[in-house]
Each structure stands twice: as structure tokens, then as C-alpha cells.
Amino acid sequence: MRLKPIVAACALGAITLLLYAFRLTAPPVTPDELAFNARAQSIRAGSTPLFFQVQGEHWLQPAAVYANAAFRAAGGDDVSGRVASAILGATDVALVFLIAQLMTGRAWIGIIAAVILMLTPAHWSLAQRGTDAIYPAPLILLWLWNLLRFFKWDSMRSLGAAAASLGLCAYVHPAAPLTAAFLWTLTLIVARRRDRVRLMLSTLTFAAAWVPAAWWFFRHPDTYADTFGRWVILAAHARNPIAGFQALINPNTLGTRASLYWGFWDPSWLFFSADDAAAPLLLVALPLIVLGVIRCARHVERDAGIVVIASAAIIPVVGSTFGVPYYMGDAAAVLPLLALLAGLGVDWLADLLLRRRALENHEDAGSAERWDADHLMPRS
């Protein structure tokens, strides 16, 4: 790997971190942040479970809690969770640069995609929040970056890193385990014509990341119902898959989830501000995202284009199962992919302008100095 893209990515990440760290302590701590702070403080008292119960059926994934506790151990306070989120948000920007540069071969396209993500209101907001909303995004971007490297250079190391990144998603957010399973299924479908031994080994790597969760549920079976039983598959459906499939295809269930899913993609919510809330995405990104989808479908290497478009469509699916509309906090990992598509849209425009300029500067096929109109007239 060349050093220059890594240096540029680190520079963009550093700029983002400085931007996101500005006024990080100004907003009051929210109830959700208080829950993470309380569980992080319990770690210092010796409580180190895999999943953390807040109250009743409300449980937390471990990654954000332990990250919060780590920054507290280094001298942090009640905004320790926000510091961790800001670092992850900066990592998202760096990874989007690397992915865009890898797909297009143009560093300036990577910079544009990274800046779009950096300035995206929803990403900025979630990166300043001390919860787990931003945590799946860096791991999913690591999966995508390594998968694209595998497609390009057929590297087993990259495929293994992609599998490990998705496997770790099992511990970062309630929506992440099922999203990771869907994305790894997508990986196997797109890469089905490649070396099957490598695909099998990488699938074992992905599955190995779930072993700690399996061991935890073996030791504490009573915790399954309110954790993976709510986030992945109900305990009753795990015991009776046929009943689970029937519940999945229930028309009322499908109708509700489809309504929430399409509502998530409502342009009037995504791109236009309301009286009481800013739009999650930049309005200028809307046409660029459309052009980026066209770019992926027509001009990008086939496997890479399918993965980018399909993963952007898959990530919000799991959030629709939680029954809450406009669930950006449960699908924040889609924001870097939309910024990437916007960058690819700029790349499409750049190619269009370059082709037009080349046509305008193209010399005529022959000289017209000695052209005689009578020479082309029909002979009598």
C-alpha cells in the first residue's frame, strides 16, 4: 500500500477530529448518554459483563460502554463517550477517503467525498453524542475497504480483515449483528465465483467473532431474550424456525417494516430542514448521490458497484424492525456510503466534462483548404 493515501487520510481525520471536538462539551448530557456513563462507571467498580442491563428490557452493547470507561480511566469525565464518538467519526472520514481513492484512482475525489461526510449534519451530530450510534460505521467501512482490496488484488489477508471487521459488529450496536449477517451474505453472493476455500476460511473468521456472544448466552441464558432475542432472532423463533419464517412474512409485519424503511428514504426528511430540526443530509448531495448510483451501475468495476449500492440499501433494513420512524441513529452507517456515492457522482461529472473538452479540442480529420464544392456534385 502506498504511503501517500494513508497520510492524506490521517490528515483528513485529524481535521475532522478538531472540527467535531469544537464545543463538544456545550450540549447538555442526554438521558441516553447518562445510561452509557452509568454503565461505564460500573466497570471501575469491577462489573465487566458482555452486555449491560440499564433497566428492565433495555440492554446496551459493550463497545461504547468499554470505550467510555477507557477514556474515563485516562482522566475523562461525563463527555468521555463523546470523545470516543468523535474519534470514530473522524475515522469514518479517513476511511471514506481511502475507499473513494481506491475506487476512482483520484485523490481529489476522495477528498470531496470525505469533506461531504465531514459536513453532513447527521454524521456531525452523532459523532458528538456519547452513545453507540456511530460505532457500526467504521467497522462497516473497514469491511468495504478490505473487500474492495480483495476484489482488486485477490488478497486473502484483505478478505480475512473484511470478515473480522463485520464479525466485530456483533458487539457495537443493537442493529449491527443482523446488519453484519446481511452484509456478509452479500459478500458471499458477490464473490461466489472466487476461491471457495478462501471464502470458507473467511466465513469461519466471521463466525469466530460471534463465539464470545455464544459463550455468554451459554453461561447466562436468561439474558438472551432481551439482547440478541430482540436484536437478532427471537428465542421462540430460534427454537421453531418455521414459526419464525411465518412471522417474518406476515403481511402486517412486512407492511409496517416496509413503510418505515421507505419513510427512512423520504427525500423531504433527508434533505430538507423542518422548523424544529435540521435535515440529516446536505441538499447539495442529493443530485450527486443520484449520479453516484449511475456511476456505480455503469462505470465502476461490477463487483465493487454492486457492493456499494447494495450495502447502502441493506443497512437501513434492520432499523425498520425496531418500530421507530426516521431511525438515523439505528442506521448511521449509511451516511458514509451516501457521502461515497456523492463523491462518485462528482467523479462522473468530471469524466463527462473531460470527455466534452476532449471532443471540443479534437482536430478535424482532414484539411478543408483545397476543398472544392463542385468535386462532390453529381456528374452529368
Protein backbone atom coordinates (compact mmCIF):
# COMPACT_ATOMS: atom_id res chain seq x y z
CA MET A 1 0.00 0.00 0.00
CA ARG A 2 1.30 3.43 -0.93
CA LEU A 3 2.01 5.79 1.95
CA LYS A 4 0.54 8.96 0.43
CA PRO A 5 -3.15 7.92 0.64
CA ILE A 6 -2.67 6.87 4.27
CA VAL A 7 -1.05 10.20 5.13
CA ALA A 8 -3.85 12.11 3.39
CA ALA A 9 -6.48 10.03 5.17
CA CYS A 10 -4.84 10.71 8.54
CA ALA A 11 -4.74 14.43 7.78
CA LEU A 12 -8.43 14.48 6.91
CA GLY A 13 -9.21 12.51 10.06
CA ALA A 14 -7.24 14.96 12.18
CA ILE A 15 -9.05 17.95 10.67
CA THR A 16 -12.38 16.23 11.30
CA LEU A 17 -11.48 15.48 14.90
CA LEU A 18 -10.60 19.12 15.52
CA LEU A 19 -13.88 20.19 13.94
CA TYR A 20 -16.01 17.70 15.87
CA ALA A 21 -14.20 18.42 19.14
CA PHE A 22 -15.21 22.07 18.96
CA ARG A 23 -17.90 22.77 21.57
CA LEU A 24 -18.04 19.05 22.38
CA THR A 25 -18.95 19.77 25.99
CA ALA A 26 -21.51 22.50 25.27
CA PRO A 27 -24.74 20.48 24.78
CA PRO A 28 -26.21 19.02 27.98
CA VAL A 29 -25.77 15.30 28.57
CA THR A 30 -28.81 13.39 27.28
CA PRO A 31 -30.61 10.55 29.12
CA ASP A 32 -29.16 8.04 26.64
CA GLU A 33 -25.66 9.30 27.36
CA LEU A 34 -26.31 9.08 31.08
CA ALA A 35 -27.10 5.38 30.66
CA PHE A 36 -23.75 4.75 28.98
CA ASN A 37 -21.94 6.85 31.58
CA ALA A 38 -23.51 4.91 34.44
CA ARG A 39 -22.55 1.55 32.97
CA ALA A 40 -19.01 2.82 32.27
CA GLN A 41 -18.67 3.83 35.90
CA SER A 42 -19.81 0.36 36.98
CA ILE A 43 -16.81 -1.13 35.17
CA ARG A 44 -14.47 0.71 37.54
CA ALA A 45 -16.37 -0.98 40.39
CA GLY A 46 -15.47 -4.39 38.95
CA SER A 47 -18.57 -5.17 36.86
CA THR A 48 -17.40 -6.48 33.46
CA PRO A 49 -20.27 -8.26 31.69
CA LEU A 50 -20.50 -8.72 27.94
CA PHE A 51 -23.85 -6.92 27.78
CA PHE A 52 -25.06 -4.23 30.15
CA GLN A 53 -28.57 -4.01 31.56
CA VAL A 54 -29.91 -0.49 32.02
CA GLN A 55 -33.34 -1.36 33.35
CA GLY A 56 -36.00 -3.92 32.52
CA GLU A 57 -35.70 -4.95 28.88
CA HIS A 58 -33.22 -2.19 27.99
CA TRP A 59 -29.71 -3.54 27.45
CA LEU A 60 -26.59 -1.98 25.93
CA GLN A 61 -23.97 -3.41 23.61
CA PRO A 62 -20.47 -3.46 25.17
CA ALA A 63 -18.27 -1.48 22.74
CA ALA A 64 -19.45 2.03 23.59
CA VAL A 65 -19.53 1.28 27.31
CA TYR A 66 -15.97 -0.05 27.45
CA ALA A 67 -14.70 2.79 25.24
CA ASN A 68 -16.33 5.27 27.59
CA ALA A 69 -14.72 3.51 30.56
CA ALA A 70 -11.30 3.54 28.85
CA PHE A 71 -11.38 7.32 28.39
CA ARG A 72 -12.57 7.74 31.97
CA ALA A 73 -9.59 5.70 33.14
CA ALA A 74 -7.37 8.10 31.19
CA GLY A 75 -8.80 11.07 33.09
CA GLY A 76 -12.06 11.71 31.24
CA ASP A 77 -15.40 12.73 32.69
CA ASP A 78 -19.05 12.63 31.60
CA VAL A 79 -18.12 13.57 28.00
CA SER A 80 -15.76 10.60 27.64
CA GLY A 81 -18.31 8.87 25.43
CA ARG A 82 -18.46 11.93 23.19
CA VAL A 83 -14.69 11.92 22.78
CA ALA A 84 -14.80 8.28 21.68
CA SER A 85 -17.61 9.01 19.22
CA ALA A 86 -15.74 12.00 17.78
CA ILE A 87 -12.68 9.83 17.17
CA LEU A 88 -14.81 7.24 15.39
CA GLY A 89 -16.47 9.96 13.31
CA ALA A 90 -13.03 11.17 12.23
CA THR A 91 -12.11 7.57 11.38
CA ASP A 92 -15.18 7.38 9.14
CA VAL A 93 -13.96 10.41 7.17
CA ALA A 94 -10.49 8.93 6.74
CA LEU A 95 -11.89 5.60 5.55
CA VAL A 96 -14.27 7.23 3.07
CA PHE A 97 -11.27 8.99 1.52
CA LEU A 98 -9.39 5.69 1.19
CA ILE A 99 -12.39 3.90 -0.35
CA ALA A 100 -13.14 6.67 -2.85
CA GLN A 101 -9.48 6.94 -3.81
CA LEU A 102 -9.31 3.17 -4.26
CA MET A 103 -12.41 3.08 -6.46
CA THR A 104 -11.57 6.05 -8.68
CA GLY A 105 -7.78 6.34 -8.50
CA ARG A 106 -8.24 10.07 -7.86
CA ALA A 107 -7.21 11.52 -4.53
CA TRP A 108 -9.23 14.69 -5.05
CA ILE A 109 -12.43 12.66 -5.41
CA GLY A 110 -11.59 11.00 -2.10
CA ILE A 111 -11.13 14.45 -0.54
CA ILE A 112 -14.51 15.62 -1.84
CA ALA A 113 -16.28 12.50 -0.51
CA ALA A 114 -14.54 12.92 2.84
CA VAL A 115 -15.48 16.61 3.11
CA ILE A 116 -19.11 15.82 2.25
CA LEU A 117 -19.21 13.29 5.08
CA MET A 118 -17.35 15.65 7.41
CA LEU A 119 -20.01 18.34 6.88
CA THR A 120 -23.04 16.04 6.84
CA PRO A 121 -25.24 17.30 9.71
CA ALA A 122 -26.39 13.87 10.92
CA HIS A 123 -22.86 12.48 10.98
CA TRP A 124 -21.55 15.55 12.78
CA SER A 125 -24.34 15.31 15.37
CA LEU A 126 -23.95 11.57 16.04
CA ALA A 127 -20.17 11.92 16.28
CA GLN A 128 -20.68 14.40 19.13
CA ARG A 129 -23.06 12.11 21.01
CA GLY A 130 -21.79 9.76 23.71
CA THR A 131 -23.88 6.77 22.61
CA ASP A 132 -23.28 3.78 20.33
CA ALA A 133 -24.96 5.25 17.22
CA ILE A 134 -21.71 5.95 15.35
CA TYR A 135 -19.94 2.72 16.30
CA PRO A 136 -21.00 0.41 13.43
CA ALA A 137 -19.87 2.83 10.70
CA PRO A 138 -16.05 2.43 11.00
CA LEU A 139 -16.29 -1.36 11.08
CA ILE A 140 -18.58 -1.47 8.04
CA LEU A 141 -16.24 0.90 6.19
CA LEU A 142 -13.27 -1.30 7.11
CA TRP A 143 -15.20 -4.26 5.69
CA LEU A 144 -15.92 -2.38 2.47
CA TRP A 145 -12.36 -1.10 2.06
CA ASN A 146 -10.83 -4.54 2.59
CA LEU A 147 -13.43 -6.21 0.36
CA LEU A 148 -12.64 -3.81 -2.48
CA ARG A 149 -8.95 -4.53 -2.00
CA PHE A 150 -9.77 -8.24 -2.20
CA PHE A 151 -11.67 -7.71 -5.45
CA LYS A 152 -8.75 -5.74 -6.87
CA TRP A 153 -5.76 -7.82 -5.74
CA ASP A 154 -7.30 -11.13 -4.64
CA SER A 155 -5.66 -10.80 -1.23
CA MET A 156 -6.64 -13.36 1.40
CA ARG A 157 -5.43 -11.01 4.10
CA SER A 158 -7.88 -8.34 2.93
CA LEU A 159 -10.76 -10.82 2.82
CA GLY A 160 -9.94 -12.02 6.33
CA ALA A 161 -9.81 -8.44 7.60
CA ALA A 162 -13.18 -7.76 5.99
CA ALA A 163 -14.67 -10.78 7.74
CA ALA A 164 -13.19 -9.82 11.11
CA SER A 165 -14.47 -6.25 10.80
CA LEU A 166 -18.02 -7.42 10.18
CA GLY A 167 -17.77 -10.02 12.92
CA LEU A 168 -16.91 -7.36 15.50
CA CYS A 169 -20.13 -5.56 14.59
CA ALA A 170 -21.91 -8.07 16.81
CA TYR A 171 -20.87 -6.01 19.84
CA VAL A 172 -21.27 -2.36 18.84
CA HIS A 173 -24.98 -1.57 18.35
CA PRO A 174 -28.34 -3.40 18.58
CA ALA A 175 -28.86 -3.12 14.81
CA ALA A 176 -25.31 -4.17 13.95
CA PRO A 177 -25.33 -8.01 14.40
CA LEU A 178 -28.13 -8.63 11.91
CA THR A 179 -26.76 -5.96 9.56
CA ALA A 180 -23.38 -7.70 9.65
CA ALA A 181 -25.01 -11.04 8.81
CA PHE A 182 -26.78 -9.48 5.82
CA LEU A 183 -23.61 -7.79 4.58
CA TRP A 184 -21.56 -10.96 4.88
CA THR A 185 -24.25 -12.81 2.92
CA LEU A 186 -23.91 -10.09 0.28
CA THR A 187 -20.15 -10.65 0.30
CA LEU A 188 -20.54 -14.37 -0.36
CA ILE A 189 -23.05 -13.77 -3.15
CA VAL A 190 -20.91 -11.21 -4.98
CA ALA A 191 -17.68 -13.20 -4.52
CA ARG A 192 -19.23 -16.62 -5.24
CA ARG A 193 -17.05 -17.23 -8.33
CA ARG A 194 -13.80 -16.71 -6.44
CA ASP A 195 -11.74 -19.23 -4.48
CA ARG A 196 -14.23 -21.14 -2.33
CA VAL A 197 -11.61 -22.21 0.19
CA ARG A 198 -10.80 -18.58 0.89
CA LEU A 199 -14.49 -17.77 1.21
CA MET A 200 -14.97 -20.64 3.65
CA LEU A 201 -11.97 -19.61 5.78
CA SER A 202 -13.13 -16.01 5.90
CA THR A 203 -16.63 -17.14 6.85
CA LEU A 204 -15.11 -19.06 9.75
CA THR A 205 -13.32 -15.85 10.75
CA PHE A 206 -16.64 -14.01 10.68
CA ALA A 207 -18.30 -16.75 12.74
CA ALA A 208 -15.43 -16.87 15.25
CA ALA A 209 -16.13 -13.27 16.22
CA TRP A 210 -19.55 -14.40 17.49
CA VAL A 211 -18.09 -17.07 19.80
CA PRO A 212 -17.85 -14.75 22.86
CA ALA A 213 -21.55 -13.93 22.49
CA ALA A 214 -22.41 -17.63 22.19
CA TRP A 215 -20.36 -18.40 25.28
CA TRP A 216 -22.01 -15.58 27.20
CA PHE A 217 -25.50 -16.83 26.34
CA PHE A 218 -24.47 -20.37 27.27
CA ARG A 219 -23.40 -19.10 30.70
CA HIS A 220 -26.27 -16.59 31.05
CA PRO A 221 -29.22 -17.91 29.01
CA ASP A 222 -31.66 -15.58 30.78
CA THR A 223 -30.03 -12.57 29.09
CA TYR A 224 -30.68 -13.75 25.52
CA ALA A 225 -34.35 -12.74 25.34
CA ASP A 226 -33.67 -9.03 25.91
CA THR A 227 -30.44 -8.80 23.89
CA PHE A 228 -29.97 -10.93 20.78
CA GLY A 229 -33.53 -12.16 21.24
CA ARG A 230 -34.67 -8.63 20.47
CA TRP A 231 -31.84 -7.57 18.16
CA VAL A 232 -31.28 -10.68 16.02
CA ILE A 233 -33.78 -13.52 16.37
CA LEU A 234 -36.43 -14.22 18.98
CA ALA A 235 -35.74 -17.17 21.25
CA ALA A 236 -39.06 -18.75 20.24
CA HIS A 237 -38.19 -18.39 16.57
CA ALA A 238 -34.74 -19.88 17.16
CA ARG A 239 -36.44 -22.94 18.64
CA ASN A 240 -39.06 -23.06 15.90
CA PRO A 241 -37.65 -21.66 12.62
CA ILE A 242 -40.87 -22.40 10.72
CA ALA A 243 -42.86 -20.18 13.06
CA GLY A 244 -40.14 -17.56 12.73
CA PHE A 245 -40.41 -17.63 8.95
CA GLN A 246 -44.19 -17.36 9.12
CA ALA A 247 -43.86 -14.34 11.41
CA LEU A 248 -41.33 -12.80 9.03
CA ILE A 249 -43.67 -12.99 6.03
CA ASN A 250 -46.73 -11.87 7.97
CA PRO A 251 -48.38 -9.18 5.80
CA ASN A 252 -48.92 -6.80 8.70
CA THR A 253 -45.29 -7.12 9.81
CA LEU A 254 -43.98 -6.71 6.28
CA GLY A 255 -46.25 -3.73 5.65
CA THR A 256 -45.13 -1.92 8.82
CA ARG A 257 -41.45 -2.52 8.18
CA ALA A 258 -41.71 -1.57 4.52
CA SER A 259 -43.44 1.67 5.48
CA LEU A 260 -40.71 2.53 7.99
CA TYR A 261 -37.97 1.59 5.52
CA TRP A 262 -39.33 3.73 2.69
CA GLY A 263 -40.03 6.52 5.16
CA PHE A 264 -36.34 6.47 6.04
CA TRP A 265 -35.52 7.25 2.39
CA ASP A 266 -38.07 10.10 2.20
CA PRO A 267 -36.18 12.98 0.49
CA SER A 268 -38.32 15.58 2.26
CA TRP A 269 -36.90 14.34 5.57
CA LEU A 270 -33.36 13.50 4.45
CA PHE A 271 -32.55 16.69 2.55
CA PHE A 272 -34.96 19.44 3.66
CA SER A 273 -34.95 21.05 7.09
CA ALA A 274 -38.07 21.24 9.21
CA ASP A 275 -39.00 24.03 11.58
CA ASP A 276 -37.66 22.14 14.60
CA ALA A 277 -34.85 20.05 13.09
CA ALA A 278 -32.09 20.27 10.52
CA ALA A 279 -32.02 17.85 7.60
CA PRO A 280 -29.75 14.83 8.16
CA LEU A 281 -28.02 15.27 4.79
CA LEU A 282 -26.73 18.19 2.75
CA LEU A 283 -29.13 19.26 0.00
CA VAL A 284 -26.24 19.63 -2.46
CA ALA A 285 -25.52 15.92 -2.00
CA LEU A 286 -28.90 14.84 -3.44
CA PRO A 287 -28.08 15.13 -7.19
CA LEU A 288 -24.56 13.91 -6.57
CA ILE A 289 -25.83 10.74 -4.86
CA VAL A 290 -28.11 10.05 -7.85
CA LEU A 291 -25.17 10.49 -10.23
CA GLY A 292 -23.04 8.32 -7.97
CA VAL A 293 -25.56 5.47 -8.20
CA ILE A 294 -25.45 5.82 -12.01
CA ARG A 295 -21.65 5.81 -11.86
CA CYS A 296 -21.64 2.61 -9.78
CA ALA A 297 -24.16 0.90 -12.03
CA ARG A 298 -22.48 1.71 -15.35
CA HIS A 299 -18.82 2.66 -15.00
CA VAL A 300 -17.40 1.20 -11.78
CA GLU A 301 -16.00 -2.33 -11.65
CA ARG A 302 -19.05 -4.61 -11.45
CA ASP A 303 -18.48 -6.29 -8.08
CA ALA A 304 -17.49 -3.03 -6.39
CA GLY A 305 -20.53 -1.20 -7.75
CA ILE A 306 -22.92 -3.92 -6.60
CA VAL A 307 -21.45 -3.99 -3.10
CA VAL A 308 -21.60 -0.21 -2.61
CA ILE A 309 -25.19 0.19 -3.82
CA ALA A 310 -26.49 -2.96 -2.13
CA SER A 311 -24.84 -2.22 1.23
CA ALA A 312 -26.34 1.29 1.25
CA ALA A 313 -29.75 -0.30 0.66
CA ILE A 314 -29.25 -3.06 3.26
CA ILE A 315 -28.03 -1.03 6.24
CA PRO A 316 -31.38 0.70 6.99
CA VAL A 317 -33.31 -2.59 6.76
CA VAL A 318 -32.62 -3.73 10.32
CA GLY A 319 -33.56 -0.36 11.81
CA SER A 320 -37.06 -0.77 10.39
CA THR A 321 -37.61 -3.76 12.71
CA PHE A 322 -37.40 -1.54 15.82
CA GLY A 323 -40.69 0.21 15.03
CA VAL A 324 -39.41 3.81 15.20
CA PRO A 325 -39.69 6.19 12.21
CA TYR A 326 -36.75 8.19 10.87
CA TYR A 327 -34.28 5.98 12.70
CA MET A 328 -30.99 7.59 11.66
CA GLY A 329 -29.44 6.60 14.99
CA ASP A 330 -30.01 2.94 14.10
CA ALA A 331 -28.70 3.29 10.53
CA ALA A 332 -25.89 5.84 10.85
CA ALA A 333 -23.51 3.58 8.92
CA VAL A 334 -25.38 4.52 5.74
CA LEU A 335 -24.12 8.13 5.98
CA PRO A 336 -20.52 7.39 4.89
CA LEU A 337 -21.82 5.30 1.99
CA LEU A 338 -24.04 8.14 0.81
CA ALA A 339 -21.06 10.52 1.02
CA LEU A 340 -19.06 7.99 -1.01
CA LEU A 341 -21.81 7.88 -3.65
CA ALA A 342 -21.82 11.69 -3.74
CA GLY A 343 -18.07 11.63 -4.36
CA LEU A 344 -18.57 9.13 -7.17
CA GLY A 345 -21.18 11.48 -8.60
CA VAL A 346 -18.56 14.23 -8.74
CA ASP A 347 -16.24 11.74 -10.46
CA TRP A 348 -18.94 11.07 -13.08
CA LEU A 349 -19.32 14.81 -13.70
CA ALA A 350 -15.55 15.19 -14.00
CA ASP A 351 -15.36 12.42 -16.60
CA LEU A 352 -18.24 13.99 -18.52
CA LEU A 353 -16.52 17.38 -18.62
CA LEU A 354 -13.20 15.85 -19.63
CA ARG A 355 -14.82 13.91 -22.49
CA ARG A 356 -16.60 17.04 -23.72
CA ARG A 357 -13.38 19.05 -23.58
CA ALA A 358 -11.58 16.30 -25.49
CA LEU A 359 -14.25 16.40 -28.21
CA GLU A 360 -14.08 20.20 -28.43
CA ASN A 361 -10.28 20.12 -28.79
CA HIS A 362 -10.30 17.26 -31.30
CA GLU A 363 -8.76 18.22 -34.66
CA ASP A 364 -10.65 17.75 -37.89
CA ALA A 365 -9.99 14.57 -39.78
CA GLY A 366 -8.80 16.35 -42.93
CA SER A 367 -7.82 19.78 -44.21
CA ALA A 368 -10.51 21.88 -45.90
CA GLU A 369 -8.12 24.33 -47.56
CA ARG A 370 -8.39 22.75 -51.06
CA TRP A 371 -11.99 21.62 -50.78
CA ASP A 372 -13.98 22.14 -53.97
CA ALA A 373 -17.77 22.00 -53.78
CA ASP A 374 -18.01 21.03 -57.46
CA HIS A 375 -15.99 17.91 -56.73
CA LEU A 376 -18.89 16.47 -54.69
CA MET A 377 -21.63 17.39 -57.15
CA PRO A 378 -23.20 14.51 -59.10
CA ARG A 379 -21.71 14.06 -62.54
CA SER A 380 -23.87 14.63 -65.58
